[in-house]
Amino acid sequence: MSFDGARTAGPADAPALIPPFGLGGVPVRDSAAPAAWPRTAGCGPGQRAGVVLDHVVFSGAMTTRLGASAGAGMRLFAHHRAPRHGPMAPSPLGRAWRPLQSPPHPAQASGNACSGLCRRSPCRPRGPRMSDRHPIPSTRPRGLSRLSGWFALVAVSAALTACGGGGDDDAPAPAPTPAPSPGPSPAPTPSPAPAPTPAPAPTPAPGERGGLQSVTLVNTISAAQVLAGLRDPDSKLGPDTALVPRHAVSNYRITYTTTDKNGVRVTASGLISVPDKAAGAPSPVLSYQHATTFRNAEAPSLKVEAVEAPIVLSSLGYIVVSADYVGFGSTQGLDHPYLTSAPTANAVVDLLTAAQTWRLQQGVADNGQLFLAGYSEGGYATLAAQRALQQAGGTLNQQLVAAVPGAGPYDVKLTLDELLQGLPRGLQALFKPSNLRDAPEWVRSEIRRFLVNQLLPGDADVAYQTLFIDRYLADDTAALAAEHSVDLGWAPSVPVYLFHGRDDQTVPYATSVQALQNLQAAGARDVSLTDCTTGERDHLSCVPEYFEFAVTRLGRLARDL
């Protein structure tokens, strides 16, 4: 199952790690005076790593002496390799950031007892260091060398943020920002009522948006095979999941017409999973939006296995459609318009249109109910698609019953702002995008290039558009709101059941609280936020609970399962 999560990095001697984005800064001036920073040696209660920063000098050379060790790195939408089995396996979404090549601090050489130790389960090491897989050459580009002071600060903030260390021994650590209230309790779930079946919309031509181009049977997976995958010890749902598959599933790869980041029509691909029922028996339709992955082979139409989310959901009785997204599948080689709302929504809505055309042609019965669901980037895509359906009107909007978005970065600017709040107070001002307006052009250019390089893993085979990074660093709040955020300026007309974990460090919980408040303020009458209650309540740990929450919530409304 393609869900994303945060992976900790490296063994105890791993160097400081660099976050992927959210950088800001102050202009570098030759006349800047040296700034002494407190030195931390050792770990206090609850701290998982020691960080030592002796001195930072902002000058023409921007020299830095840094000694740091960290058990984890801060990053947004982190990457996980999916295990061999497991329907809830997280989807790749990033990587541990490559280390700065700085000399070790004496505290490291002498074997600081707390250096790099992981004392909490969110910080436990998993897998080899990325520095072993992607070594940094000793010779840096000239521009990057000039930024060594900047990147040292980023490394320190990453270690402090991810592992809870750092700070002056004589000064109290800043109190954590309390999680905002999720608002009113969830509204009672309405009883499912027979929905009138709207008249089918005119069928688009193959070259038009939503036009059907081809459909190919991939395989058929039995209910027993799905159950075996769910019961596997490696299953992210765990062997004790209450889900019981009821139907075999026939899976079809579909190609259709949608638009890329520039509005140009392209041939995209996706997956249609159909439960095997008695002839003529109808099913509700569920559009499932997958989370981020950097590997094309993990797109839904290419990874058609018993433990994948679309197949598991279809085995419960839904006709499931899942877009690969532009940049994956048949559009590999094009930029994936990451966290850009219009092309993200188009890929989902156009697939729904094409899949409806195919069902009419083949006599595959649906019952006139449509649901939307997805986690992380999939949650973002779910809300983007719901807004697009509502604004367009038409048959699909009339069929829409409810949406269950989980842990999505609905407000992109707020997401990045919240991640910066995890930095020590003394460093937060250095990373505000508004400060970059006065920075030299070479600083802005190098930071942007560096962030993009760090966002994409070296073995990625999918191109990502990172327009939202450019606009965030440029402090272009208007463009971020208009073209990237999906919770502003509209009121959903059908129920929206948000879900998030309060301790999520990958996609901050505040994004769901803000979405709840924005949608309610716009006039939405049935929007609720349910907190994850599982263990650590972080991004990855909450995936199984989200999945069962979505299945339960939708099951109360769906007919003909």
Protein backbone atom coordinates (compact mmCIF):
# COMPACT_ATOMS: atom_id res chain seq x y z
CA MET A 1 0.00 0.00 0.00
CA SER A 2 1.48 3.30 -0.96
CA PHE A 3 1.56 5.40 2.12
CA ASP A 4 4.44 7.61 3.18
CA GLY A 5 6.14 7.99 6.50
CA ALA A 6 9.20 9.31 8.21
CA ARG A 7 12.34 7.21 8.37
CA THR A 8 15.07 7.95 10.85
CA ALA A 9 18.60 7.97 9.61
CA GLY A 10 21.95 6.55 10.40
CA PRO A 11 23.89 4.89 13.19
CA ALA A 12 25.29 6.65 16.19
CA ASP A 13 28.23 8.28 14.38
CA ALA A 14 26.11 9.76 11.59
CA PRO A 15 26.98 13.40 10.88
CA ALA A 16 24.44 16.17 11.10
CA LEU A 17 21.62 15.94 8.60
CA ILE A 18 20.11 18.62 6.44
CA PRO A 19 16.35 19.21 6.08
CA PRO A 20 15.00 19.22 2.55
CA PHE A 21 13.28 22.55 2.52
CA GLY A 22 11.79 25.29 4.59
CA LEU A 23 15.04 27.27 4.42
CA GLY A 24 15.04 30.96 4.87
CA GLY A 25 17.84 33.16 5.97
CA VAL A 26 19.43 36.54 6.41
CA PRO A 27 21.69 38.28 3.94
CA VAL A 28 25.35 37.37 4.23
CA ARG A 29 27.44 40.44 4.80
CA ASP A 30 31.23 40.64 5.02
CA SER A 31 30.96 43.00 7.94
CA ALA A 32 28.80 40.66 9.99
CA ALA A 33 30.18 40.09 13.46
CA PRO A 34 30.93 36.62 14.79
CA ALA A 35 28.06 35.09 16.66
CA ALA A 36 28.86 32.77 19.54
CA TRP A 37 26.52 29.89 20.03
CA PRO A 38 25.99 27.86 23.20
CA ARG A 39 27.75 24.52 23.38
CA THR A 40 25.80 21.47 24.38
CA ALA A 41 27.65 18.36 25.44
CA GLY A 42 25.59 15.46 26.65
CA CYS A 43 21.92 14.64 26.69
CA GLY A 44 19.27 15.57 29.16
CA PRO A 45 16.15 13.56 29.95
CA GLY A 46 14.18 12.77 26.83
CA GLN A 47 16.91 13.98 24.48
CA ARG A 48 18.09 11.57 21.86
CA ALA A 49 21.18 13.16 20.40
CA GLY A 50 23.93 15.56 21.36
CA VAL A 51 24.73 18.60 19.21
CA VAL A 52 27.79 20.78 19.64
CA LEU A 53 28.15 24.08 17.84
CA ASP A 54 31.23 25.99 18.94
CA HIS A 55 31.24 29.03 16.72
CA VAL A 56 29.66 30.47 13.62
CA VAL A 57 31.29 33.38 11.83
CA PHE A 58 29.44 35.25 9.11
CA SER A 59 32.18 36.74 6.97
CA GLY A 60 33.37 36.59 3.39
CA ALA A 61 34.55 33.04 3.95
CA MET A 62 31.60 32.12 6.21
CA THR A 63 33.77 29.71 8.18
CA THR A 64 32.07 27.33 10.55
CA ARG A 65 33.28 24.89 13.15
CA LEU A 66 30.62 22.35 13.75
CA GLY A 67 30.51 19.09 15.63
CA ALA A 68 27.23 17.29 15.60
CA SER A 69 25.74 13.87 15.69
CA ALA A 70 22.11 13.11 15.06
CA GLY A 71 19.99 10.02 15.03
CA ALA A 72 17.44 11.50 12.65
CA GLY A 73 16.93 14.32 10.17
CA MET A 74 14.01 16.65 9.76
CA ARG A 75 12.27 16.51 6.48
CA LEU A 76 8.86 16.90 4.90
CA PHE A 77 6.97 13.90 3.52
CA ALA A 78 9.73 11.40 4.26
CA HIS A 79 10.64 8.35 2.22
CA HIS A 80 10.15 4.74 3.12
CA ARG A 81 10.91 1.65 1.11
CA ALA A 82 7.83 -0.58 1.19
CA PRO A 83 8.45 -4.04 2.67
CA ARG A 84 7.89 -7.12 0.59
CA HIS A 85 4.49 -7.61 2.13
CA GLY A 86 2.07 -5.22 3.79
CA PRO A 87 -0.93 -3.35 2.51
CA MET A 88 -0.04 -0.32 4.58
CA ALA A 89 3.61 -0.11 3.55
CA PRO A 90 4.61 3.55 3.39
CA SER A 91 5.36 5.06 0.07
CA PRO A 92 8.78 6.60 -0.68
CA LEU A 93 8.69 10.29 -0.19
CA GLY A 94 12.11 11.62 0.45
CA ARG A 95 15.31 10.46 2.07
CA ALA A 96 17.71 11.07 4.86
CA TRP A 97 19.62 14.18 3.96
CA ARG A 98 23.26 14.01 3.03
CA PRO A 99 25.78 15.04 5.70
CA LEU A 100 27.96 18.07 5.77
CA GLN A 101 31.64 17.28 5.45
CA SER A 102 32.85 19.01 8.61
CA PRO A 103 35.61 17.89 10.97
CA PRO A 104 34.51 15.92 14.02
CA HIS A 105 34.20 17.75 17.28
CA PRO A 106 36.47 16.60 20.12
CA ALA A 107 33.36 15.48 21.97
CA GLN A 108 32.74 12.97 19.24
CA ALA A 109 36.32 11.77 19.15
CA SER A 110 36.27 11.19 22.88
CA GLY A 111 33.07 9.16 22.65
CA ASN A 112 30.32 11.38 24.00
CA ALA A 113 28.02 8.94 25.76
CA CYS A 114 24.91 10.55 24.33
CA SER A 115 26.23 11.30 20.87
CA GLY A 116 23.81 10.00 18.27
CA LEU A 117 21.90 7.82 20.71
CA CYS A 118 18.25 7.19 19.96
CA ARG A 119 16.35 7.01 23.19
CA ARG A 120 12.83 7.21 21.79
CA SER A 121 11.23 4.89 19.27
CA PRO A 122 10.53 7.69 16.71
CA CYS A 123 14.29 8.12 16.49
CA ARG A 124 15.35 4.50 16.20
CA PRO A 125 17.72 3.89 13.28
CA ARG A 126 16.35 2.05 10.29
CA GLY A 127 18.63 0.89 7.52
CA PRO A 128 22.02 2.12 6.35
CA ARG A 129 23.10 5.73 6.45
CA MET A 130 22.30 7.65 3.34
CA SER A 131 25.84 9.00 3.55
CA ASP A 132 27.07 5.48 2.84
CA ARG A 133 24.81 5.21 -0.18
CA HIS A 134 25.31 8.74 -1.52
CA PRO A 135 28.79 9.97 -0.53
CA ILE A 136 29.53 13.66 -0.89
CA PRO A 137 32.63 14.49 -2.93
CA SER A 138 35.25 16.37 -1.01
CA THR A 139 35.35 19.16 -3.59
CA ARG A 140 32.28 21.38 -3.49
CA PRO A 141 31.01 23.84 -6.07
CA ARG A 142 32.19 27.33 -5.37
CA GLY A 143 28.70 28.60 -4.55
CA LEU A 144 27.97 25.74 -2.21
CA SER A 145 31.25 26.29 -0.41
CA ARG A 146 30.25 29.89 0.22
CA LEU A 147 27.07 28.58 1.77
CA SER A 148 28.83 26.31 4.26
CA GLY A 149 27.84 28.53 7.16
CA TRP A 150 24.23 28.48 6.10
CA PHE A 151 24.18 24.72 5.74
CA ALA A 152 25.87 24.23 9.09
CA LEU A 153 23.00 26.09 10.70
CA VAL A 154 20.53 23.96 8.78
CA ALA A 155 22.28 20.80 9.98
CA VAL A 156 22.13 21.94 13.58
CA SER A 157 18.46 22.81 13.33
CA ALA A 158 17.73 19.47 11.70
CA ALA A 159 19.40 17.54 14.50
CA LEU A 160 17.74 19.64 17.17
CA THR A 161 14.35 19.31 15.56
CA ALA A 162 14.45 15.59 14.84
CA CYS A 163 16.10 14.32 18.01
CA GLY A 164 15.07 16.80 20.68
CA GLY A 165 18.58 17.85 21.65
CA GLY A 166 20.47 21.10 21.83
CA GLY A 167 20.15 24.31 23.78
CA ASP A 168 22.12 26.09 26.48
CA ASP A 169 22.55 24.07 29.66
CA ASP A 170 22.01 27.26 31.65
CA ALA A 171 18.90 28.38 29.79
CA PRO A 172 15.58 26.56 29.77
CA ALA A 173 14.48 25.09 26.48
CA PRO A 174 11.58 26.89 24.84
CA ALA A 175 8.24 25.37 25.69
CA PRO A 176 6.70 23.40 22.86
CA THR A 177 3.81 25.01 21.06
CA PRO A 178 0.63 23.32 22.29
CA ALA A 179 -1.35 21.52 19.64
CA PRO A 180 -4.38 23.56 18.63
CA SER A 181 -7.82 22.27 19.39
CA PRO A 182 -9.35 20.24 16.62
CA GLY A 183 -12.61 22.11 16.98
CA PRO A 184 -16.03 20.65 17.57
CA SER A 185 -16.59 16.95 17.89
CA PRO A 186 -17.36 15.00 14.73
CA ALA A 187 -20.93 15.38 13.56
CA PRO A 188 -23.16 12.32 13.73
CA THR A 189 -22.88 10.17 10.66
CA PRO A 190 -26.03 10.38 8.54
CA SER A 191 -27.73 7.12 7.66
CA PRO A 192 -27.12 6.05 4.09
CA ALA A 193 -30.07 6.83 1.87
CA PRO A 194 -30.68 5.58 -1.63
CA ALA A 195 -29.10 8.10 -3.96
CA PRO A 196 -30.80 8.91 -7.24
CA THR A 197 -28.63 7.93 -10.16
CA PRO A 198 -27.90 11.04 -12.26
CA ALA A 199 -28.02 10.80 -16.01
CA PRO A 200 -24.58 10.01 -17.47
CA ALA A 201 -22.62 13.00 -18.71
CA PRO A 202 -21.73 13.18 -22.41
CA THR A 203 -18.78 10.91 -23.14
CA PRO A 204 -15.61 12.94 -23.86
CA ALA A 205 -13.69 12.16 -27.03
CA PRO A 206 -10.41 10.27 -26.44
CA GLY A 207 -8.33 13.40 -26.98
CA GLU A 208 -10.39 15.55 -24.64
CA ARG A 209 -9.97 15.80 -20.88
CA GLY A 210 -11.44 12.69 -19.32
CA GLY A 211 -11.41 10.87 -22.64
CA LEU A 212 -10.95 7.10 -22.47
CA GLN A 213 -8.06 5.76 -24.54
CA SER A 214 -7.46 2.13 -23.53
CA VAL A 215 -8.19 -0.47 -20.86
CA THR A 216 -6.19 -3.68 -20.34
CA LEU A 217 -6.81 -6.49 -17.86
CA VAL A 218 -3.75 -6.87 -15.61
CA ASN A 219 -4.74 -9.73 -13.30
CA THR A 220 -7.38 -11.17 -11.00
CA ILE A 221 -6.58 -11.58 -7.30
CA SER A 222 -8.65 -13.85 -5.07
CA ALA A 223 -10.07 -12.87 -1.70
CA ALA A 224 -7.88 -15.58 -0.15
CA GLN A 225 -4.76 -13.95 -1.59
CA VAL A 226 -5.77 -10.58 -0.18
CA LEU A 227 -6.45 -12.12 3.22
CA ALA A 228 -3.07 -13.86 3.21
CA GLY A 229 -1.40 -10.52 2.57
CA LEU A 230 -3.31 -8.85 5.37
CA ARG A 231 -2.36 -11.61 7.80
CA ASP A 232 1.32 -11.51 6.91
CA PRO A 233 3.51 -10.33 9.83
CA ASP A 234 5.00 -7.66 7.56
CA SER A 235 1.58 -6.18 6.81
CA LYS A 236 1.36 -2.58 7.93
CA LEU A 237 -2.18 -3.28 9.07
CA GLY A 238 -0.84 -6.00 11.32
CA PRO A 239 -2.00 -9.61 11.49
CA ASP A 240 -4.83 -8.67 13.86
CA THR A 241 -6.64 -6.33 11.48
CA ALA A 242 -10.40 -6.77 11.50
CA LEU A 243 -10.69 -6.32 7.74
CA VAL A 244 -11.96 -9.41 5.95
CA PRO A 245 -11.90 -9.47 2.13
CA ARG A 246 -15.18 -10.66 0.62
CA HIS A 247 -14.56 -10.55 -3.13
CA ALA A 248 -11.98 -11.50 -5.70
CA VAL A 249 -10.73 -8.44 -7.61
CA SER A 250 -10.14 -7.94 -11.32
CA ASN A 251 -7.61 -5.19 -12.04
CA TYR A 252 -7.42 -3.11 -15.20
CA ARG A 253 -4.84 -0.61 -16.39
CA ILE A 254 -6.52 2.39 -17.97
CA THR A 255 -5.10 5.24 -20.05
CA TYR A 256 -6.98 8.52 -20.43
CA THR A 257 -6.49 12.18 -21.27
CA THR A 258 -5.67 14.78 -18.63
CA THR A 259 -3.38 17.83 -18.37
CA ASP A 260 0.18 18.38 -17.20
CA LYS A 261 1.51 21.24 -15.08
CA ASN A 262 1.20 23.65 -18.04
CA GLY A 263 -2.33 22.63 -18.99
CA VAL A 264 -1.15 20.63 -22.00
CA ARG A 265 -3.16 17.47 -22.67
CA VAL A 266 -1.30 14.23 -21.99
CA THR A 267 -2.11 10.52 -21.90
CA ALA A 268 -2.10 9.48 -18.24
CA SER A 269 -2.64 6.09 -16.63
CA GLY A 270 -4.32 4.61 -13.60
CA LEU A 271 -5.88 1.50 -12.11
CA ILE A 272 -9.48 0.28 -11.98
CA SER A 273 -10.12 -2.52 -9.48
CA VAL A 274 -13.50 -4.25 -9.78
CA PRO A 275 -14.90 -6.67 -7.17
CA ASP A 276 -16.14 -9.91 -8.68
CA LYS A 277 -19.86 -10.06 -7.84
CA ALA A 278 -22.92 -11.65 -9.34
CA ALA A 279 -23.75 -10.48 -12.84
CA GLY A 280 -25.37 -7.05 -12.73
CA ALA A 281 -24.71 -6.48 -9.02
CA PRO A 282 -23.81 -2.81 -8.47
CA SER A 283 -20.99 -1.39 -6.35
CA PRO A 284 -20.12 2.04 -4.95
CA VAL A 285 -17.13 3.79 -6.52
CA LEU A 286 -14.13 4.81 -4.38
CA SER A 287 -11.40 7.06 -5.74
CA TYR A 288 -8.22 6.28 -3.79
CA GLN A 289 -5.34 8.77 -4.04
CA HIS A 290 -1.92 7.33 -3.30
CA ALA A 291 0.82 8.98 -1.24
CA THR A 292 4.13 10.18 -2.58
CA THR A 293 6.60 7.83 -4.17
CA PHE A 294 9.80 8.54 -6.08
CA ARG A 295 9.71 5.25 -8.00
CA ASN A 296 7.61 4.77 -11.07
CA ALA A 297 7.28 1.04 -10.38
CA GLU A 298 5.22 1.87 -7.28
CA ALA A 299 2.48 3.67 -9.22
CA PRO A 300 -0.90 1.96 -8.70
CA SER A 301 -1.26 0.65 -12.26
CA LEU A 302 2.24 -0.87 -12.14
CA LYS A 303 2.23 -2.37 -8.65
CA VAL A 304 -0.90 -4.51 -8.80
CA GLU A 305 -0.45 -6.80 -5.81
CA ALA A 306 -2.75 -8.33 -3.22
CA VAL A 307 -1.52 -6.09 -0.41
CA GLU A 308 -1.88 -2.77 -2.23
CA ALA A 309 -4.56 -0.33 -1.08
CA PRO A 310 -6.76 -0.32 -4.20
CA ILE A 311 -6.95 -4.12 -4.24
CA VAL A 312 -7.71 -4.41 -0.51
CA LEU A 313 -10.43 -1.77 -0.76
CA SER A 314 -11.96 -3.38 -3.82
CA SER A 315 -12.04 -6.76 -2.06
CA LEU A 316 -14.40 -5.11 0.44
CA GLY A 317 -16.90 -4.36 -2.32
CA TYR A 318 -15.88 -1.04 -3.93
CA ILE A 319 -15.04 -0.31 -7.53
CA VAL A 320 -11.74 1.47 -6.86
CA VAL A 321 -10.08 3.90 -9.26
CA SER A 322 -6.58 5.16 -8.51
CA ALA A 323 -4.65 7.67 -10.60
CA ASP A 324 -0.93 7.17 -11.13
CA TYR A 325 -0.63 11.01 -11.29
CA VAL A 326 1.18 12.88 -14.05
CA GLY A 327 4.86 11.95 -13.96
CA PHE A 328 4.14 8.27 -13.33
CA GLY A 329 3.02 5.38 -15.48
CA SER A 330 2.39 6.41 -19.08
CA THR A 331 3.55 9.97 -18.32
CA GLN A 332 6.90 9.01 -16.82
CA GLY A 333 9.44 11.62 -17.89
CA LEU A 334 7.07 14.53 -17.39
CA ASP A 335 7.32 16.54 -14.18
CA HIS A 336 5.05 15.40 -11.38
CA PRO A 337 3.25 18.63 -10.31
CA TYR A 338 3.90 18.05 -6.63
CA LEU A 339 1.50 19.90 -4.30
CA THR A 340 0.10 21.94 -7.18
CA SER A 341 -3.66 21.74 -6.89
CA ALA A 342 -5.06 22.06 -10.43
CA PRO A 343 -3.09 19.34 -12.25
CA THR A 344 -3.35 17.09 -9.19
CA ALA A 345 -7.13 17.40 -9.17
CA ASN A 346 -7.35 17.01 -12.95
CA ALA A 347 -5.53 13.67 -12.87
CA VAL A 348 -8.10 12.34 -10.39
CA VAL A 349 -11.27 13.85 -11.88
CA ASP A 350 -10.36 12.96 -15.47
CA LEU A 351 -9.71 9.36 -14.43
CA LEU A 352 -13.12 9.19 -12.76
CA THR A 353 -14.69 10.42 -16.00
CA ALA A 354 -12.82 7.93 -18.18
CA ALA A 355 -13.53 5.06 -15.79
CA GLN A 356 -17.22 5.90 -15.86
CA THR A 357 -17.16 5.75 -19.67
CA TRP A 358 -15.52 2.32 -19.54
CA ARG A 359 -18.08 0.99 -17.05
CA LEU A 360 -20.93 2.10 -19.29
CA GLN A 361 -19.32 0.47 -22.30
CA GLN A 362 -18.65 -2.81 -20.49
CA GLY A 363 -21.84 -3.00 -18.46
CA VAL A 364 -20.02 -2.78 -15.11
CA ALA A 365 -22.71 -1.58 -12.72
CA ASP A 366 -22.14 1.11 -10.12
CA ASN A 367 -24.80 2.23 -7.67
CA GLY A 368 -24.43 5.98 -8.15
CA GLN A 369 -22.31 6.53 -5.01
CA LEU A 370 -18.83 8.08 -5.17
CA PHE A 371 -16.32 8.38 -2.30
CA LEU A 372 -12.83 9.91 -2.07
CA ALA A 373 -9.97 8.85 0.23
CA GLY A 374 -6.18 9.16 0.55
CA TYR A 375 -3.38 9.74 3.05
CA SER A 376 -0.58 12.34 3.13
CA GLU A 377 -0.12 13.56 -0.46
CA GLY A 378 -3.13 11.36 -1.16
CA GLY A 379 -5.08 13.34 1.44
CA TYR A 380 -4.04 16.56 -0.30
CA ALA A 381 -5.11 15.13 -3.68
CA THR A 382 -8.42 14.01 -2.17
CA LEU A 383 -9.36 17.51 -1.02
CA ALA A 384 -8.11 19.03 -4.29
CA ALA A 385 -10.28 16.62 -6.29
CA GLN A 386 -13.33 17.23 -4.10
CA ARG A 387 -13.03 20.97 -4.64
CA ALA A 388 -12.63 20.51 -8.40
CA LEU A 389 -15.66 18.21 -8.61
CA GLN A 390 -17.81 20.65 -6.67
CA GLN A 391 -16.72 23.65 -8.72
CA ALA A 392 -17.35 21.83 -12.00
CA GLY A 393 -20.73 20.41 -11.00
CA GLY A 394 -22.12 17.64 -13.18
CA THR A 395 -22.73 13.95 -12.74
CA LEU A 396 -19.69 13.06 -10.63
CA ASN A 397 -20.39 15.86 -8.18
CA GLN A 398 -24.00 14.69 -7.84
CA GLN A 399 -22.75 11.19 -7.07
CA LEU A 400 -20.22 12.32 -4.45
CA VAL A 401 -21.22 11.16 -0.96
CA ALA A 402 -18.21 11.89 1.30
CA ALA A 403 -14.43 12.29 1.46
CA VAL A 404 -11.92 10.97 4.01
CA PRO A 405 -8.60 12.83 3.64
CA GLY A 406 -5.84 11.84 6.05
CA ALA A 407 -2.79 13.83 7.23
CA GLY A 408 -2.47 15.98 4.12
CA PRO A 409 -0.48 19.22 3.67
CA TYR A 410 -3.65 21.09 2.71
CA ASP A 411 -2.18 24.53 3.35
CA VAL A 412 1.32 24.33 1.87
CA LYS A 413 2.63 27.55 3.41
CA LEU A 414 1.36 26.62 6.86
CA THR A 415 2.94 23.19 6.51
CA LEU A 416 6.37 24.67 5.89
CA ASP A 417 5.88 27.39 8.50
CA GLU A 418 5.01 24.79 11.12
CA LEU A 419 8.11 22.77 10.35
CA LEU A 420 10.21 25.88 10.92
CA GLN A 421 8.57 26.30 14.32
CA GLY A 422 10.39 23.16 15.37
CA LEU A 423 13.71 24.99 15.19
CA PRO A 424 15.25 26.63 18.27
CA ARG A 425 13.89 30.13 18.74
CA GLY A 426 17.28 31.69 18.13
CA LEU A 427 17.46 30.16 14.66
CA GLN A 428 13.90 30.58 13.44
CA ALA A 429 14.48 34.12 12.17
CA LEU A 430 17.39 32.95 10.04
CA PHE A 431 15.11 30.69 8.03
CA LYS A 432 12.16 32.98 7.36
CA PRO A 433 11.59 33.38 3.62
CA SER A 434 10.86 37.09 4.09
CA ASN A 435 14.52 37.59 5.02
CA LEU A 436 15.68 36.24 1.67
CA ARG A 437 14.35 39.29 -0.14
CA ASP A 438 17.48 41.20 0.90
CA ALA A 439 19.88 38.30 0.40
CA PRO A 440 22.30 38.30 -2.56
CA GLU A 441 21.03 36.54 -5.67
CA TRP A 442 23.70 33.86 -5.43
CA VAL A 443 22.44 32.95 -1.96
CA ARG A 444 18.85 32.51 -3.13
CA SER A 445 19.97 30.57 -6.19
CA GLU A 446 22.25 28.22 -4.25
CA ILE A 447 19.67 27.58 -1.54
CA ARG A 448 17.03 26.76 -4.11
CA ARG A 449 19.37 24.44 -6.05
CA PHE A 450 20.53 22.75 -2.87
CA LEU A 451 17.01 22.17 -1.60
CA VAL A 452 15.86 20.64 -4.86
CA ASN A 453 18.88 18.33 -4.93
CA GLN A 454 18.15 17.25 -1.38
CA LEU A 455 14.43 16.75 -2.01
CA LEU A 456 14.99 14.11 -4.69
CA PRO A 457 16.80 10.87 -3.86
CA GLY A 458 19.67 9.91 -6.09
CA ASP A 459 17.89 6.81 -7.33
CA ALA A 460 14.57 8.50 -8.13
CA ASP A 461 13.23 7.79 -11.59
CA VAL A 462 10.40 10.32 -11.41
CA ALA A 463 10.86 14.04 -12.09
CA TYR A 464 9.28 16.33 -9.51
CA GLN A 465 8.20 19.91 -10.12
CA THR A 466 9.09 21.94 -7.04
CA LEU A 467 7.30 25.18 -7.82
CA PHE A 468 5.96 25.39 -4.28
CA ILE A 469 9.53 25.61 -2.95
CA ASP A 470 10.33 28.55 -5.23
CA ARG A 471 7.20 30.37 -4.17
CA TYR A 472 7.76 29.68 -0.50
CA LEU A 473 11.34 30.95 -0.61
CA ALA A 474 10.13 33.99 -2.58
CA ASP A 475 7.51 34.61 0.14
CA ASP A 476 4.83 34.58 -2.58
CA THR A 477 1.92 33.93 -0.24
CA ALA A 478 -0.72 34.84 -2.81
CA ALA A 479 0.48 32.22 -5.30
CA LEU A 480 0.82 29.59 -2.58
CA ALA A 481 -2.77 30.19 -1.51
CA ALA A 482 -4.20 30.30 -5.03
CA GLU A 483 -2.34 27.47 -6.73
CA HIS A 484 -1.10 25.13 -4.00
CA SER A 485 -3.33 25.16 -0.92
CA VAL A 486 -6.63 23.27 -1.15
CA ASP A 487 -8.53 24.35 1.97
CA LEU A 488 -9.17 28.00 1.17
CA GLY A 489 -12.15 29.79 -0.36
CA TRP A 490 -14.69 26.99 -0.62
CA ALA A 491 -17.20 25.09 1.50
CA PRO A 492 -17.63 21.35 0.85
CA SER A 493 -21.23 20.39 0.15
CA VAL A 494 -20.79 16.77 1.33
CA PRO A 495 -19.19 15.45 4.53
CA VAL A 496 -15.41 15.67 4.94
CA TYR A 497 -13.89 13.42 7.61
CA LEU A 498 -10.36 14.65 8.32
CA PHE A 499 -7.94 12.41 10.20
CA HIS A 500 -4.51 13.22 11.66
CA GLY A 501 -2.06 12.37 14.45
CA ARG A 502 -1.17 15.15 16.88
CA ASP A 503 2.50 14.14 17.03
CA ASP A 504 3.01 14.05 13.26
CA GLN A 505 6.42 15.57 12.51
CA THR A 506 6.22 14.89 8.77
CA VAL A 507 2.98 16.71 7.95
CA PRO A 508 2.19 18.88 10.99
CA TYR A 509 -1.13 18.32 12.75
CA ALA A 510 -1.86 22.05 12.52
CA THR A 511 -2.54 21.68 8.80
CA SER A 512 -5.64 19.58 9.52
CA VAL A 513 -6.78 21.92 12.28
CA GLN A 514 -6.42 24.86 9.89
CA ALA A 515 -8.30 22.99 7.17
CA LEU A 516 -11.13 22.25 9.60
CA GLN A 517 -11.35 25.89 10.62
CA ASN A 518 -11.08 27.26 7.08
CA LEU A 519 -13.76 24.97 5.67
CA GLN A 520 -16.11 25.63 8.57
CA ALA A 521 -15.56 29.38 8.29
CA ALA A 522 -16.46 29.18 4.60
CA GLY A 523 -19.80 27.63 5.51
CA ALA A 524 -19.21 23.87 5.46
CA ARG A 525 -21.78 22.17 7.69
CA ASP A 526 -20.34 18.67 7.97
CA VAL A 527 -16.56 18.72 8.41
CA SER A 528 -14.87 16.97 11.32
CA LEU A 529 -11.37 16.09 12.48
CA THR A 530 -10.63 12.76 14.16
CA ASP A 531 -7.37 12.34 16.08
CA CYS A 532 -5.19 9.29 15.69
CA THR A 533 -4.93 7.44 18.99
CA THR A 534 -2.31 4.86 18.02
CA GLY A 535 0.91 4.71 20.04
CA GLU A 536 3.23 7.49 18.98
CA ARG A 537 0.55 9.27 16.88
CA ASP A 538 3.11 10.18 14.23
CA HIS A 539 2.83 10.09 10.46
CA LEU A 540 3.73 6.49 9.85
CA SER A 541 2.29 4.97 13.01
CA CYS A 542 -1.15 6.40 12.25
CA VAL A 543 -1.44 4.86 8.78
CA PRO A 544 -3.11 1.60 9.89
CA GLU A 545 -5.60 3.45 12.08
CA TYR A 546 -6.38 5.87 9.24
CA PHE A 547 -7.11 2.99 6.91
CA GLU A 548 -9.50 1.29 9.30
CA PHE A 549 -11.08 4.66 10.14
CA ALA A 550 -11.73 5.31 6.45
CA VAL A 551 -13.14 1.83 5.84
CA THR A 552 -15.44 2.13 8.86
CA ARG A 553 -16.59 5.66 8.06
CA LEU A 554 -17.30 4.94 4.41
CA GLY A 555 -18.89 1.60 5.25
CA ARG A 556 -21.61 3.42 7.21
CA LEU A 557 -22.61 5.32 4.08
CA ALA A 558 -21.92 2.89 1.27
CA ARG A 559 -24.55 0.55 -0.13
CA ASP A 560 -24.19 -2.68 -2.10
CA LEU A 561 -20.80 -3.73 -0.71
